[in-house]
C-alpha cells in the first residue's frame, strides 16, 4: 500500500551498509528482538509460584506465544480457544481438490522488519519466500487497470508518468509532513531520544488528522487526480483509499517501520507457526519435565470458548467456558479482539477501569474479505500473442490492481508444473461489505466477470480445479472485523490499551487481567504487534507473581518510564 522514500543510488565507493529498519517504535521503542534473543531469557518467578495456573483467553498468535513463554517460566497456562488455534493466522485447503494447495484467509505476507515475529518463525524451523506484491522485484508482472484503461508493467518505470508522479508525491508528502528521513535514520540507529522527540511533536500535531486530510494539506498532493490514483492503486501492496478516514498516525507507523515493504510469505501456510509452538517442547524450561509442551499440558486440546469473566474475592479472575466449567485464577491474559468483551462474553464492569472500557468501545475495526480458487497450473506465465498471433513478450495475466470490484488479484505458485492458487479478490471496508451477502460461488462469478473485462483472452474458469474459499472477517463471530485501525482522536484510547500491562498504575481492584493481541498494539494488523503485546503481558504476569528479569536483559516494564508512549492532555 505504500512506498518509502527511495534509497539513494550508491556510487562506486560503496558506503557501509545501513542498519536495517525494524518495528522498533515509534510509540514504544523497546528492542523486543534483542529481549527474545538474550541468553538470560525473559525472566524468572519464585519457585513457590511454579505450577500456578494462568488463564490465556484466545489461541491466536498472541495467546500461544504468551502461553509458551509462561510455560517456560514454570507457570501453567490454561488456553481457551473458541474456534481453532491460530486466530487470523488461518490457512485452509480446498474442497474437491487433491494435493497440498492452501489459501491464507488472514495474514499472508510479513515484512522482514517484524524481527520479534521472525524469532518465532526461526524457532520452529519455518521457511519464508518473497510474496508477489504489485511491482515487487519477484513479481513477474503487474497490471494496473483504472477507469477501463489497463497498463502492463514489470517495474514502475513501465507505467505512465502520472503513476511515477504519484509515487514521488507520496515520498515528498512524507518528507514534508512527517520528517521521514530523520525518523528513518533514528529508527535504523535505534536512537531512542531522537525517535521520541520526533514522534512526540507529530502525535501532538496530527492526532486529529485523517490520512486523507494529511494528503490534502500537502503541496505534493494538491491534484485530486493524484490523490485518486494513490487511493485506488497506491504503491507497495495496493490502494490506500480504504484507510483515508483513519488517523494519519496509523499510516505513519506502517511507513516508518517498513511494515508494508519487502513482504514474505510462510512456506506451507502461516497457521503452522502457532500450531508448531503449541506442540513444541522447549529445551530450556523451568519446573516442567523434559518433553512438556502446551499440547501435553492441555491433553492435546485447549479449553473451549469463554462465556463469562468476573472478579471474585481476593481479586481473582473467574472464567466460565462453553462447557460450563468454572475456574478461578490469580492472573489472566485476554488476547482475543477486545470487542468480544462487549458482546460475546458476559463481563463484570469491575474487570477494567471505566477509561479502558471506553477505549475498547471506541476501537474501530476494518472489514476485509478474500476469495481464493485453486487452478491446475500457473497459466498466467504463458506468453500472450496479439490478434495476428505474434508474441507480445507479455504474460497472459498479471498481479492486478484495479478500481473494479476485485480490487487486488494475486497469483501464487510453487513452480511451473504444479497446481497453483489465485486470490481472485482482496478487498477492504466498503468494498468488503459489498460481498457480504454473496456465497463463495456467487463471489467467484462476479470476480471472473470483472477479470474477464481486463483479460478478455484469458479463460480462467477452464483452469479451476476445486471449489472457491472465502472469508469476510466482519462476519466472523469471534472477530467481527479484520483488525483495529484508529480514527482521528483515538491516540489516547490506544495508549490506555497498550499500557494496560503496567498494572502498578491501576487501582488494586483492577489488576490481574492483562490485555494483549494485535489490536492492543500500536501496529494492529501486523503479527509483530501480537508478539510484542504478548511479551508485555508475560512481563506483567511475571511481575505480579513476584518475578523479575535478569539485570542484563531488562523487560518492557523495567524500562517503561524511560520510553513510555507520549501522553496527551485529557483536557
Protein backbone atom coordinates (compact mmCIF):
# COMPACT_ATOMS: atom_id res chain seq x y z
CA UNK A 1 0.00 0.00 0.00
CA UNK A 2 2.93 2.30 0.46
CA UNK A 3 6.29 3.17 -0.91
CA UNK A 4 9.08 4.64 1.12
CA UNK A 5 11.46 7.36 0.11
CA UNK A 6 13.77 5.75 -2.46
CA UNK A 7 17.24 4.79 -1.31
CA UNK A 8 19.95 6.88 -2.96
CA UNK A 9 21.92 5.11 -5.66
CA UNK A 10 25.34 4.14 -4.33
CA UNK A 11 28.40 5.50 -6.06
CA UNK A 12 31.43 3.40 -6.96
CA UNK A 13 32.92 3.90 -3.49
CA UNK A 14 30.37 1.82 -1.61
CA UNK A 15 29.20 3.16 1.73
CA UNK A 16 28.90 0.90 4.77
CA UNK A 17 25.57 -0.93 4.89
CA UNK A 18 22.98 0.86 6.99
CA UNK A 19 21.37 -0.93 9.95
CA UNK A 20 18.00 -2.40 8.99
CA UNK A 21 14.63 -0.87 9.73
CA UNK A 22 12.68 -2.86 12.31
CA UNK A 23 9.41 -2.38 14.17
CA UNK A 24 11.29 -0.52 16.88
CA UNK A 25 8.81 2.17 17.87
CA UNK A 26 7.89 4.87 17.17
CA UNK A 27 5.41 4.82 20.09
CA UNK A 28 7.30 2.46 22.40
CA UNK A 29 10.89 1.96 21.22
CA UNK A 30 11.72 -1.27 23.03
CA UNK A 31 14.00 -3.88 21.41
CA UNK A 32 11.74 -6.93 21.64
CA UNK A 33 14.02 -8.83 19.25
CA UNK A 34 17.06 -8.32 21.48
CA UNK A 35 14.97 -9.17 24.55
CA UNK A 36 13.99 -12.52 22.99
CA UNK A 37 17.50 -13.34 21.76
CA UNK A 38 19.24 -12.69 25.09
CA UNK A 39 20.65 -15.90 26.71
CA UNK A 40 19.35 -14.84 30.15
CA UNK A 41 15.76 -15.38 28.96
CA UNK A 42 12.65 -13.33 29.68
CA UNK A 43 12.73 -13.61 33.47
CA UNK A 44 12.01 -15.91 36.39
CA UNK A 45 9.33 -16.31 39.05
CA UNK A 46 9.78 -17.55 42.63
CA UNK A 47 9.85 -21.35 42.96
CA UNK A 48 6.83 -21.14 45.27
CA UNK A 49 4.76 -19.98 42.26
CA UNK A 50 5.80 -22.79 39.94
CA UNK A 51 2.84 -24.70 38.53
CA UNK A 52 0.39 -21.86 39.21
CA UNK A 53 -2.37 -21.70 36.59
CA UNK A 54 -2.79 -18.60 34.42
CA UNK A 55 -5.74 -18.27 32.05
CA UNK A 56 -4.87 -17.34 28.46
CA UNK A 57 -8.04 -16.42 26.58
CA UNK A 58 -7.60 -16.73 22.83
CA UNK A 59 -5.41 -19.20 20.95
CA UNK A 60 -4.23 -16.87 18.21
CA UNK A 61 -0.58 -15.95 17.78
CA UNK A 62 -0.52 -13.61 20.78
CA UNK A 63 -2.17 -16.13 23.08
CA UNK A 64 0.00 -19.05 22.02
CA UNK A 65 3.22 -17.03 22.41
CA UNK A 66 2.13 -15.76 25.83
CA UNK A 67 1.25 -19.30 26.90
CA UNK A 68 4.51 -20.72 25.54
CA UNK A 69 6.65 -18.17 27.40
CA UNK A 70 4.67 -18.54 30.66
CA UNK A 71 5.13 -22.31 30.45
CA UNK A 72 8.90 -21.88 30.05
CA UNK A 73 8.92 -19.79 33.27
CA UNK A 74 7.28 -22.63 35.19
CA UNK A 75 3.69 -21.39 35.22
CA UNK A 76 0.79 -23.47 33.89
CA UNK A 77 -1.05 -21.61 31.12
CA UNK A 78 -4.64 -22.69 30.51
CA UNK A 79 -5.53 -21.71 26.95
CA UNK A 80 -9.15 -21.07 25.96
CA UNK A 81 -9.98 -21.04 22.24
CA UNK A 82 -13.45 -20.63 20.72
CA UNK A 83 -12.58 -21.85 17.23
CA UNK A 84 -9.13 -23.07 16.19
CA UNK A 85 -5.55 -22.37 17.17
CA UNK A 86 -4.12 -19.61 15.01
CA UNK A 87 -6.70 -16.81 15.09
CA UNK A 88 -6.14 -14.73 11.98
CA UNK A 89 -3.20 -16.91 11.04
CA UNK A 90 -5.70 -19.17 9.29
CA UNK A 91 -4.56 -21.48 6.49
CA UNK A 92 -7.19 -23.61 4.72
CA UNK A 93 -7.30 -26.20 1.95
CA UNK A 94 -9.71 -26.55 -0.98
CA UNK A 95 -12.66 -28.94 -1.04
CA UNK A 96 -12.68 -31.10 -4.16
CA UNK A 97 -9.02 -30.51 -4.84
CA UNK A 98 -6.35 -33.12 -4.18
CA UNK A 99 -2.89 -32.11 -3.06
CA UNK A 100 -1.47 -29.59 -0.63
CA UNK A 101 -2.74 -26.31 -2.05
CA UNK A 102 -3.60 -23.79 0.65
CA UNK A 103 -5.11 -20.33 1.00
CA UNK A 104 -4.23 -17.73 3.63
CA UNK A 105 -7.54 -16.37 4.85
CA UNK A 106 -5.94 -13.92 7.26
CA UNK A 107 -2.33 -12.82 7.42
CA UNK A 108 -0.44 -13.88 4.30
CA UNK A 109 2.57 -11.54 3.98
CA UNK A 110 5.08 -10.46 6.57
CA UNK A 111 7.77 -7.76 6.46
CA UNK A 112 11.40 -8.51 7.43
CA UNK A 113 11.10 -5.60 9.88
CA UNK A 114 8.93 -7.91 12.07
CA UNK A 115 12.00 -9.18 13.88
CA UNK A 116 10.32 -10.46 17.07
CA UNK A 117 7.86 -12.39 14.89
CA UNK A 118 10.81 -13.72 12.88
CA UNK A 119 12.34 -15.04 16.12
CA UNK A 120 9.47 -17.50 16.44
CA UNK A 121 9.49 -18.40 12.74
CA UNK A 122 13.15 -19.37 13.13
CA UNK A 123 12.49 -21.12 16.46
CA UNK A 124 10.03 -23.58 14.92
CA UNK A 125 12.01 -24.03 11.69
CA UNK A 126 9.65 -22.46 9.17
CA UNK A 127 10.79 -21.06 5.82
CA UNK A 128 9.67 -17.89 4.07
CA UNK A 129 9.71 -16.81 0.44
CA UNK A 130 9.09 -13.48 -1.34
CA UNK A 131 5.41 -12.56 -1.64
CA UNK A 132 4.25 -11.40 -5.12
CA UNK A 133 3.09 -7.88 -4.33
CA UNK A 134 2.49 -5.50 -7.24
CA UNK A 135 5.72 -4.30 -8.86
CA UNK A 136 7.84 -6.25 -6.36
CA UNK A 137 11.14 -7.49 -7.86
CA UNK A 138 9.99 -11.13 -7.61
CA UNK A 139 6.59 -10.44 -9.24
CA UNK A 140 6.76 -11.33 -12.96
CA UNK A 141 4.37 -8.55 -13.99
CA UNK A 142 1.65 -6.22 -12.76
CA UNK A 143 -1.39 -4.78 -14.48
CA UNK A 144 -2.85 -1.51 -13.22
CA UNK A 145 -6.42 -1.11 -14.50
CA UNK A 146 -8.19 2.17 -13.78
CA UNK A 147 -11.30 3.63 -15.43
CA UNK A 148 -11.27 0.91 -18.07
CA UNK A 149 -7.65 1.54 -19.09
CA UNK A 150 -5.01 -1.09 -18.40
CA UNK A 151 -1.24 -0.68 -18.12
CA UNK A 152 1.20 -3.61 -18.11
CA UNK A 153 4.36 -3.19 -16.05
CA UNK A 154 7.31 -5.15 -14.74
CA UNK A 155 8.70 -2.11 -12.87
CA UNK A 156 7.21 1.28 -12.02
CA UNK A 157 9.21 2.73 -14.92
CA UNK A 158 6.89 0.87 -17.30
CA UNK A 159 3.84 2.79 -16.06
CA UNK A 160 2.73 6.15 -17.48
CA UNK A 161 4.39 9.23 -16.00
CA UNK A 162 1.36 10.11 -13.86
CA UNK A 163 1.89 6.97 -11.74
CA UNK A 164 5.52 7.87 -11.13
CA UNK A 165 4.38 11.39 -10.28
CA UNK A 166 2.03 9.95 -7.66
CA UNK A 167 4.82 7.83 -6.15
CA UNK A 168 7.05 10.88 -5.99
CA UNK A 169 4.23 12.93 -4.46
CA UNK A 170 3.83 10.38 -1.67
CA UNK A 171 7.55 10.46 -0.90
CA UNK A 172 7.51 14.27 -0.88
CA UNK A 173 4.40 14.31 1.33
CA UNK A 174 6.08 12.05 3.90
CA UNK A 175 9.19 14.18 3.95
CA UNK A 176 7.31 17.45 4.17
CA UNK A 177 4.71 16.46 6.75
CA UNK A 178 6.27 13.63 8.76
CA UNK A 179 10.07 14.12 8.93
CA UNK A 180 10.51 10.82 7.15
CA UNK A 181 14.28 10.88 6.60
CA UNK A 182 15.00 11.96 10.17
CA UNK A 183 12.77 9.24 11.63
CA UNK A 184 14.19 6.66 9.21
CA UNK A 185 17.70 7.42 10.40
CA UNK A 186 16.70 7.42 14.08
CA UNK A 187 14.92 4.08 13.78
CA UNK A 188 17.82 2.46 11.94
CA UNK A 189 20.21 3.63 14.64
CA UNK A 190 17.73 2.85 17.44
CA UNK A 191 18.22 6.38 18.68
CA UNK A 192 15.53 6.38 21.37
CA UNK A 193 15.73 10.06 22.39
CA UNK A 194 15.53 11.20 18.77
CA UNK A 195 12.63 8.85 17.94
CA UNK A 196 10.72 10.12 20.95
CA UNK A 197 11.45 13.75 20.13
CA UNK A 198 10.22 13.48 16.53
CA UNK A 199 7.19 11.36 17.39
CA UNK A 200 6.04 13.49 20.33
CA UNK A 201 5.75 16.52 18.05
CA UNK A 202 3.88 14.56 15.38
CA UNK A 203 1.42 12.96 17.81
CA UNK A 204 0.58 16.36 19.24
CA UNK A 205 0.20 17.84 15.76
CA UNK A 206 -1.53 15.01 13.90
CA UNK A 207 -3.72 13.04 16.31
CA UNK A 208 -6.83 14.83 14.99
CA UNK A 209 -5.90 14.42 11.31
CA UNK A 210 -7.22 11.86 8.84
CA UNK A 211 -4.97 10.23 6.29
CA UNK A 212 -6.89 12.00 3.52
CA UNK A 213 -6.63 15.35 5.27
CA UNK A 214 -2.87 14.84 5.58
CA UNK A 215 -2.63 14.31 1.82
CA UNK A 216 -4.81 17.32 1.08
CA UNK A 217 -2.61 19.61 3.15
CA UNK A 218 0.47 18.61 1.18
CA UNK A 219 1.57 20.68 -1.80
CA UNK A 220 2.65 17.43 -3.42
CA UNK A 221 -0.96 16.15 -3.48
CA UNK A 222 -2.80 19.31 -4.47
CA UNK A 223 -4.08 17.43 -7.55
CA UNK A 224 -7.30 15.48 -6.91
CA UNK A 225 -6.32 13.13 -9.74
CA UNK A 226 -3.11 12.26 -7.93
CA UNK A 227 -4.99 11.61 -4.70
CA UNK A 228 -7.50 9.46 -6.57
CA UNK A 229 -4.82 7.33 -8.22
CA UNK A 230 -2.96 6.97 -4.94
CA UNK A 231 -6.16 5.89 -3.21
CA UNK A 232 -7.08 3.33 -5.84
CA UNK A 233 -3.66 1.93 -6.66
CA UNK A 234 -1.05 3.20 -4.21
CA UNK A 235 2.39 1.66 -4.33
CA UNK A 236 3.67 -1.36 -2.47
CA UNK A 237 0.68 -3.63 -1.84
CA UNK A 238 -2.17 -1.66 -3.37
CA UNK A 239 -4.53 1.24 -2.90
CA UNK A 240 -4.88 3.25 0.27
CA UNK A 241 -8.36 4.73 -0.10
CA UNK A 242 -9.95 2.41 2.45
CA UNK A 243 -7.58 3.91 5.02
CA UNK A 244 -8.34 7.51 4.07
CA UNK A 245 -10.74 8.09 7.04
CA UNK A 246 -8.25 6.66 9.55
CA UNK A 247 -5.75 8.56 11.66
CA UNK A 248 -2.61 9.51 9.76
CA UNK A 249 -0.66 8.29 12.81
CA UNK A 250 -1.70 4.73 11.90
CA UNK A 251 -0.27 5.17 8.42
CA UNK A 252 2.97 6.73 9.61
CA UNK A 253 3.62 3.76 11.91
CA UNK A 254 3.38 1.46 8.90
CA UNK A 255 5.61 3.63 6.72
CA UNK A 256 8.30 4.31 9.33
CA UNK A 257 8.65 0.62 10.19
CA UNK A 258 8.55 -0.63 6.56
CA UNK A 259 5.66 -2.86 7.60
CA UNK A 260 4.33 -2.71 4.05
CA UNK A 261 7.59 -3.43 2.25
CA UNK A 262 9.63 -6.46 1.11
CA UNK A 263 6.93 -8.90 2.19
CA UNK A 264 7.49 -12.61 2.54
CA UNK A 265 5.04 -15.48 2.84
CA UNK A 266 5.43 -18.56 5.06
CA UNK A 267 6.01 -21.71 3.04
CA UNK A 268 3.16 -24.14 3.75
CA UNK A 269 0.98 -21.54 5.47
CA UNK A 270 1.18 -19.12 8.38
CA UNK A 271 -1.01 -21.20 10.72
CA UNK A 272 1.88 -23.61 11.09
CA UNK A 273 3.58 -21.12 13.41
CA UNK A 274 1.07 -21.20 16.30
CA UNK A 275 0.42 -24.91 15.71
CA UNK A 276 4.12 -25.72 15.95
CA UNK A 277 4.50 -23.59 19.07
CA UNK A 278 1.55 -25.48 20.57
CA UNK A 279 3.41 -28.77 20.05
CA UNK A 280 6.93 -27.52 20.73
CA UNK A 281 8.90 -28.95 23.66
CA UNK A 282 11.24 -26.18 24.84
CA UNK A 283 14.82 -27.20 25.63
CA UNK A 284 15.07 -24.62 28.41
CA UNK A 285 12.08 -24.97 30.70
CA UNK A 286 11.60 -24.41 34.43
CA UNK A 287 9.63 -26.76 36.74
CA UNK A 288 8.11 -28.91 33.99
CA UNK A 289 9.60 -32.26 32.93
CA UNK A 290 11.53 -32.51 29.65
CA UNK A 291 9.12 -33.18 26.78
CA UNK A 292 6.44 -30.86 28.16
CA UNK A 293 4.56 -28.78 25.59
CA UNK A 294 1.44 -26.65 25.60
CA UNK A 295 -0.30 -29.58 23.95
CA UNK A 296 0.67 -32.05 26.70
CA UNK A 297 -0.36 -29.59 29.42
CA UNK A 298 -3.83 -29.45 27.81
CA UNK A 299 -4.25 -33.09 26.89
CA UNK A 300 -3.94 -32.09 23.25
CA UNK A 301 -6.86 -29.64 23.10
CA UNK A 302 -7.37 -26.13 24.51
CA UNK A 303 -10.33 -25.30 26.71
CA UNK A 304 -13.47 -24.17 24.80
CA UNK A 305 -14.81 -20.63 24.33
CA UNK A 306 -15.04 -18.34 27.34
CA UNK A 307 -18.63 -17.28 28.06
CA UNK A 308 -18.20 -15.32 31.30
CA UNK A 309 -15.47 -13.36 33.08
CA UNK A 310 -15.90 -11.88 36.55
CA UNK A 311 -13.93 -10.89 39.63
CA UNK A 312 -14.23 -12.90 42.82
CA UNK A 313 -12.91 -12.49 46.36
CA UNK A 314 -9.18 -11.94 46.71
CA UNK A 315 -9.15 -10.04 43.39
CA UNK A 316 -9.20 -13.28 41.44
CA UNK A 317 -10.46 -13.72 37.88
CA UNK A 318 -13.13 -16.40 37.46
CA UNK A 319 -13.62 -17.88 34.00
CA UNK A 320 -16.66 -19.82 32.79
CA UNK A 321 -16.35 -21.66 29.49
CA UNK A 322 -18.81 -23.05 26.97
CA UNK A 323 -18.77 -26.48 28.61
CA UNK A 324 -19.98 -24.92 31.88
CA UNK A 325 -16.60 -25.42 33.57
CA UNK A 326 -15.74 -22.68 36.09
CA UNK A 327 -12.15 -22.00 37.10
CA UNK A 328 -10.59 -19.21 39.14
CA UNK A 329 -7.16 -17.68 38.53
CA UNK A 330 -4.92 -15.11 40.11
CA UNK A 331 -3.97 -13.86 36.65
CA UNK A 332 -5.44 -14.00 33.14
CA UNK A 333 -4.35 -12.72 29.73
CA UNK A 334 -7.07 -11.74 27.27
CA UNK A 335 -5.79 -11.88 23.66
CA UNK A 336 -8.99 -12.08 21.60
CA UNK A 337 -10.34 -8.98 19.85
CA UNK A 338 -11.46 -6.55 22.54
CA UNK A 339 -14.99 -6.24 21.11
CA UNK A 340 -15.57 -9.80 22.36
CA UNK A 341 -15.65 -8.35 25.85
CA UNK A 342 -18.55 -6.12 24.82
CA UNK A 343 -20.75 -8.73 23.18
CA UNK A 344 -19.81 -12.42 23.15
CA UNK A 345 -18.57 -12.69 26.74
CA UNK A 346 -20.56 -11.76 29.84
CA UNK A 347 -18.30 -9.46 31.83
CA UNK A 348 -18.27 -7.64 35.14
CA UNK A 349 -17.76 -3.89 34.82
CA UNK A 350 -15.18 -4.30 37.57
CA UNK A 351 -12.77 -6.14 35.27
CA UNK A 352 -11.32 -2.90 33.91
CA UNK A 353 -11.29 0.80 34.80
CA UNK A 354 -14.04 2.75 33.04
CA UNK A 355 -11.49 4.55 30.84
CA UNK A 356 -10.33 1.19 29.48
CA UNK A 357 -13.90 0.11 28.76
CA UNK A 358 -14.35 3.37 26.85
CA UNK A 359 -11.20 2.69 24.85
CA UNK A 360 -12.46 -0.77 23.89
CA UNK A 361 -15.85 0.61 22.87
CA UNK A 362 -14.17 3.24 20.69
CA UNK A 363 -11.95 0.71 18.92
CA UNK A 364 -12.51 0.91 15.17
CA UNK A 365 -12.15 -2.30 13.14
CA UNK A 366 -11.54 -2.61 9.40
CA UNK A 367 -13.63 -5.01 7.34
CA UNK A 368 -11.83 -7.29 4.91
CA UNK A 369 -12.65 -10.15 2.55
CA UNK A 370 -10.75 -12.59 0.35
CA UNK A 371 -11.67 -15.14 -2.29
CA UNK A 372 -9.31 -17.89 -3.50
CA UNK A 373 -9.56 -20.56 -6.20
CA UNK A 374 -7.23 -23.49 -6.95
CA UNK A 375 -6.01 -23.86 -10.55
CA UNK A 376 -4.24 -26.61 -12.47
CA UNK A 377 -1.04 -24.66 -13.11
CA UNK A 378 0.36 -21.09 -13.16
CA UNK A 379 -1.05 -20.45 -16.64
CA UNK A 380 -0.55 -16.72 -16.17
CA UNK A 381 3.11 -17.21 -17.05
CA UNK A 382 2.16 -18.25 -20.59
CA UNK A 383 3.19 -15.62 -23.10
CA UNK A 384 0.48 -13.55 -24.77
CA UNK A 385 0.05 -13.12 -28.52
CA UNK A 386 -1.60 -10.28 -30.41
CA UNK A 387 -4.60 -10.52 -32.74
CA UNK A 388 -2.35 -11.76 -35.53
CA UNK A 389 -0.79 -14.48 -33.42
CA UNK A 390 2.50 -12.69 -32.90
CA UNK A 391 4.21 -12.96 -29.48
CA UNK A 392 3.92 -9.80 -27.38
CA UNK A 393 6.52 -10.77 -24.79
CA UNK A 394 3.97 -10.22 -22.02
CA UNK A 395 2.44 -12.63 -19.52
CA UNK A 396 -1.15 -13.54 -20.34
CA UNK A 397 -2.21 -12.46 -16.83
CA UNK A 398 -0.56 -10.44 -14.08
CA UNK A 399 -0.87 -9.42 -10.46
CA UNK A 400 -3.72 -6.94 -10.85
CA UNK A 401 -4.68 -3.67 -9.15
CA UNK A 402 -7.97 -2.22 -10.32
CA UNK A 403 -10.88 0.01 -9.42
CA UNK A 404 -13.20 -2.82 -10.48
CA UNK A 405 -14.82 -4.96 -7.80
CA UNK A 406 -11.89 -7.36 -7.48
CA UNK A 407 -9.55 -4.52 -6.38
CA UNK A 408 -6.50 -6.76 -5.82
CA UNK A 409 -5.77 -10.11 -7.54
CA UNK A 410 -2.70 -12.13 -6.50
CA UNK A 411 -1.13 -15.08 -8.35
CA UNK A 412 0.52 -17.68 -6.12
CA UNK A 413 2.53 -20.67 -7.33
CA UNK A 414 5.29 -23.09 -6.29
CA UNK A 415 6.67 -23.77 -9.74
CA UNK A 416 5.61 -24.09 -13.39
CA UNK A 417 4.44 -27.73 -13.29
CA UNK A 418 2.44 -27.68 -10.07
CA UNK A 419 -1.15 -26.69 -9.23
CA UNK A 420 -1.41 -23.10 -8.06
CA UNK A 421 -3.75 -20.64 -6.34
CA UNK A 422 -5.30 -17.33 -7.36
CA UNK A 423 -6.50 -14.83 -4.79
CA UNK A 424 -9.23 -13.54 -7.11
CA UNK A 425 -10.06 -10.65 -4.82
CA UNK A 426 -8.69 -9.00 -1.70
CA UNK A 427 -10.85 -6.08 -0.53
CA UNK A 428 -11.34 -3.80 2.47
CA UNK A 429 -14.07 -1.81 4.23
CA UNK A 430 -16.90 -0.76 1.88
CA UNK A 431 -15.57 -3.00 -0.89
CA UNK A 432 -15.65 -5.93 1.50
CA UNK A 433 -19.18 -5.14 2.66
CA UNK A 434 -20.37 -5.31 -0.96
CA UNK A 435 -19.60 -9.05 -0.94
CA UNK A 436 -21.12 -9.86 2.43
CA UNK A 437 -24.46 -11.32 1.25
CA UNK A 438 -22.87 -13.45 -1.50
CA UNK A 439 -21.78 -17.08 -1.25
CA UNK A 440 -18.30 -18.16 -2.31
CA UNK A 441 -19.56 -19.29 -5.72
CA UNK A 442 -21.55 -16.10 -6.26
CA UNK A 443 -18.49 -14.07 -5.39
CA UNK A 444 -16.39 -16.10 -7.81
CA UNK A 445 -18.78 -15.43 -10.69
CA UNK A 446 -18.62 -11.67 -10.13
CA UNK A 447 -14.82 -11.79 -9.89
CA UNK A 448 -14.42 -13.84 -13.04
CA UNK A 449 -16.62 -11.40 -14.94
CA UNK A 450 -14.60 -8.45 -13.67
CA UNK A 451 -11.26 -10.05 -14.54
CA UNK A 452 -12.65 -11.13 -17.91
CA UNK A 453 -13.06 -7.46 -18.79
CA UNK A 454 -9.38 -6.86 -18.03
CA UNK A 455 -8.14 -10.08 -19.69
CA UNK A 456 -10.68 -10.85 -22.44
CA UNK A 457 -8.50 -13.58 -24.00
CA UNK A 458 -7.89 -15.49 -20.77
CA UNK A 459 -10.28 -18.26 -19.72
CA UNK A 460 -9.59 -18.52 -16.01
CA UNK A 461 -12.55 -20.83 -15.43
CA UNK A 462 -11.14 -23.69 -17.50
CA UNK A 463 -8.13 -23.90 -15.16
CA UNK A 464 -10.12 -24.05 -11.89
CA UNK A 465 -9.82 -27.49 -10.24
CA UNK A 466 -11.71 -27.10 -6.95
CA UNK A 467 -14.25 -25.05 -5.05
CA UNK A 468 -13.51 -21.45 -4.06
CA UNK A 469 -12.90 -20.50 -0.44
CA UNK A 470 -13.76 -17.12 1.02
CA UNK A 471 -13.82 -15.12 4.23
CA UNK A 472 -15.39 -11.86 5.36
CA UNK A 473 -13.76 -11.05 8.68
CA UNK A 474 -16.53 -8.67 9.73
CA UNK A 475 -18.89 -11.65 9.62
CA UNK A 476 -16.68 -13.99 11.66
CA UNK A 477 -18.38 -14.37 15.06
CA UNK A 478 -15.14 -14.37 17.08
CA UNK A 479 -13.54 -11.47 15.22
CA UNK A 480 -16.16 -9.01 13.91
CA UNK A 481 -13.52 -7.32 11.76
CA UNK A 482 -10.05 -7.80 10.35
CA UNK A 483 -8.06 -5.54 12.65
CA UNK A 484 -8.09 -2.30 14.59
CA UNK A 485 -7.45 0.99 12.77
CA UNK A 486 -7.62 4.12 14.90
CA UNK A 487 -9.70 7.08 13.80
CA UNK A 488 -8.57 10.67 14.43
CA UNK A 489 -8.59 11.46 18.14
CA UNK A 490 -8.10 7.83 19.17
CA UNK A 491 -4.48 8.07 20.28
CA UNK A 492 -5.41 8.41 23.96
CA UNK A 493 -7.62 5.30 23.76
CA UNK A 494 -4.87 3.25 22.15
CA UNK A 495 -2.38 4.36 24.76
CA UNK A 496 -4.66 3.16 27.57
CA UNK A 497 -4.96 -0.29 25.98
CA UNK A 498 -1.27 -0.69 25.15
CA UNK A 499 -0.05 0.41 28.59
CA UNK A 500 -2.52 -1.83 30.45
CA UNK A 501 0.28 -4.31 31.24
CA UNK A 502 1.80 -1.73 33.63
CA UNK A 503 -0.66 -2.59 36.37
CA UNK A 504 1.05 -0.82 39.25
CA UNK A 505 -0.54 2.27 37.64
CA UNK A 506 -4.02 0.78 38.15
CA UNK A 507 -6.18 0.60 41.29
CA UNK A 508 -5.51 -2.65 43.15
CA UNK A 509 -9.02 -3.95 42.44
CA UNK A 510 -8.49 -3.56 38.67
CA UNK A 511 -5.35 -5.70 38.40
CA UNK A 512 -4.82 -9.32 37.41
CA UNK A 513 -6.26 -9.43 33.89
CA UNK A 514 -3.91 -8.33 31.10
CA UNK A 515 -4.84 -7.24 27.57
CA UNK A 516 -2.77 -8.45 24.61
CA UNK A 517 -3.22 -9.09 20.90
CA UNK A 518 -2.51 -7.04 17.81
CA UNK A 519 -5.46 -4.67 18.38
CA UNK A 520 -3.88 -3.69 21.72
CA UNK A 521 -0.62 -2.94 19.91
CA UNK A 522 0.36 0.20 18.03
CA UNK A 523 0.68 -1.84 14.83
CA UNK A 524 -2.63 -3.66 14.55
CA UNK A 525 -2.94 -5.95 11.57
CA UNK A 526 0.72 -6.94 11.81
CA UNK A 527 1.81 -10.12 13.54
CA UNK A 528 4.64 -8.21 15.20
CA UNK A 529 2.05 -6.31 17.27
CA UNK A 530 0.61 -9.60 18.51
CA UNK A 531 4.08 -10.77 19.55
CA UNK A 532 5.03 -7.52 21.29
CA UNK A 533 1.85 -7.27 23.36
CA UNK A 534 2.12 -10.96 24.29
CA UNK A 535 5.60 -10.28 25.67
CA UNK A 536 4.30 -7.22 27.55
CA UNK A 537 1.61 -9.37 29.17
CA UNK A 538 4.13 -12.09 30.06
CA UNK A 539 6.25 -9.44 31.80
CA UNK A 540 3.12 -8.21 33.60
CA UNK A 541 2.20 -11.69 34.88
CA UNK A 542 5.80 -12.38 35.91
CA UNK A 543 5.86 -9.10 37.82
CA UNK A 544 2.53 -9.85 39.51
CA UNK A 545 3.87 -13.19 40.78
CA UNK A 546 6.93 -11.54 42.30
CA UNK A 547 9.29 -12.47 39.49
CA UNK A 548 11.94 -10.39 37.77
CA UNK A 549 14.04 -10.20 34.65
CA UNK A 550 17.79 -10.68 34.67
CA UNK A 551 19.65 -7.41 35.22
CA UNK A 552 21.42 -7.87 31.88
CA UNK A 553 18.11 -8.23 29.97
CA UNK A 554 15.51 -5.76 31.26
CA UNK A 555 11.97 -6.25 30.01
CA UNK A 556 9.44 -3.75 28.64
CA UNK A 557 8.10 -2.94 32.09
CA UNK A 558 11.56 -2.44 33.59
CA UNK A 559 12.40 0.39 31.18
CA UNK A 560 8.85 1.66 30.75
CA UNK A 561 9.37 5.05 32.38
CA UNK A 562 12.26 5.82 30.02
CA UNK A 563 10.37 5.02 26.81
CA UNK A 564 6.67 5.36 27.75
CA UNK A 565 4.35 6.44 24.91
CA UNK A 566 3.59 10.15 24.56
CA UNK A 567 0.82 11.21 26.95
CA UNK A 568 -1.59 13.77 25.54
CA UNK A 569 -3.62 16.02 27.81
CA UNK A 570 -7.11 14.77 28.66
CA UNK A 571 -8.43 18.35 28.94
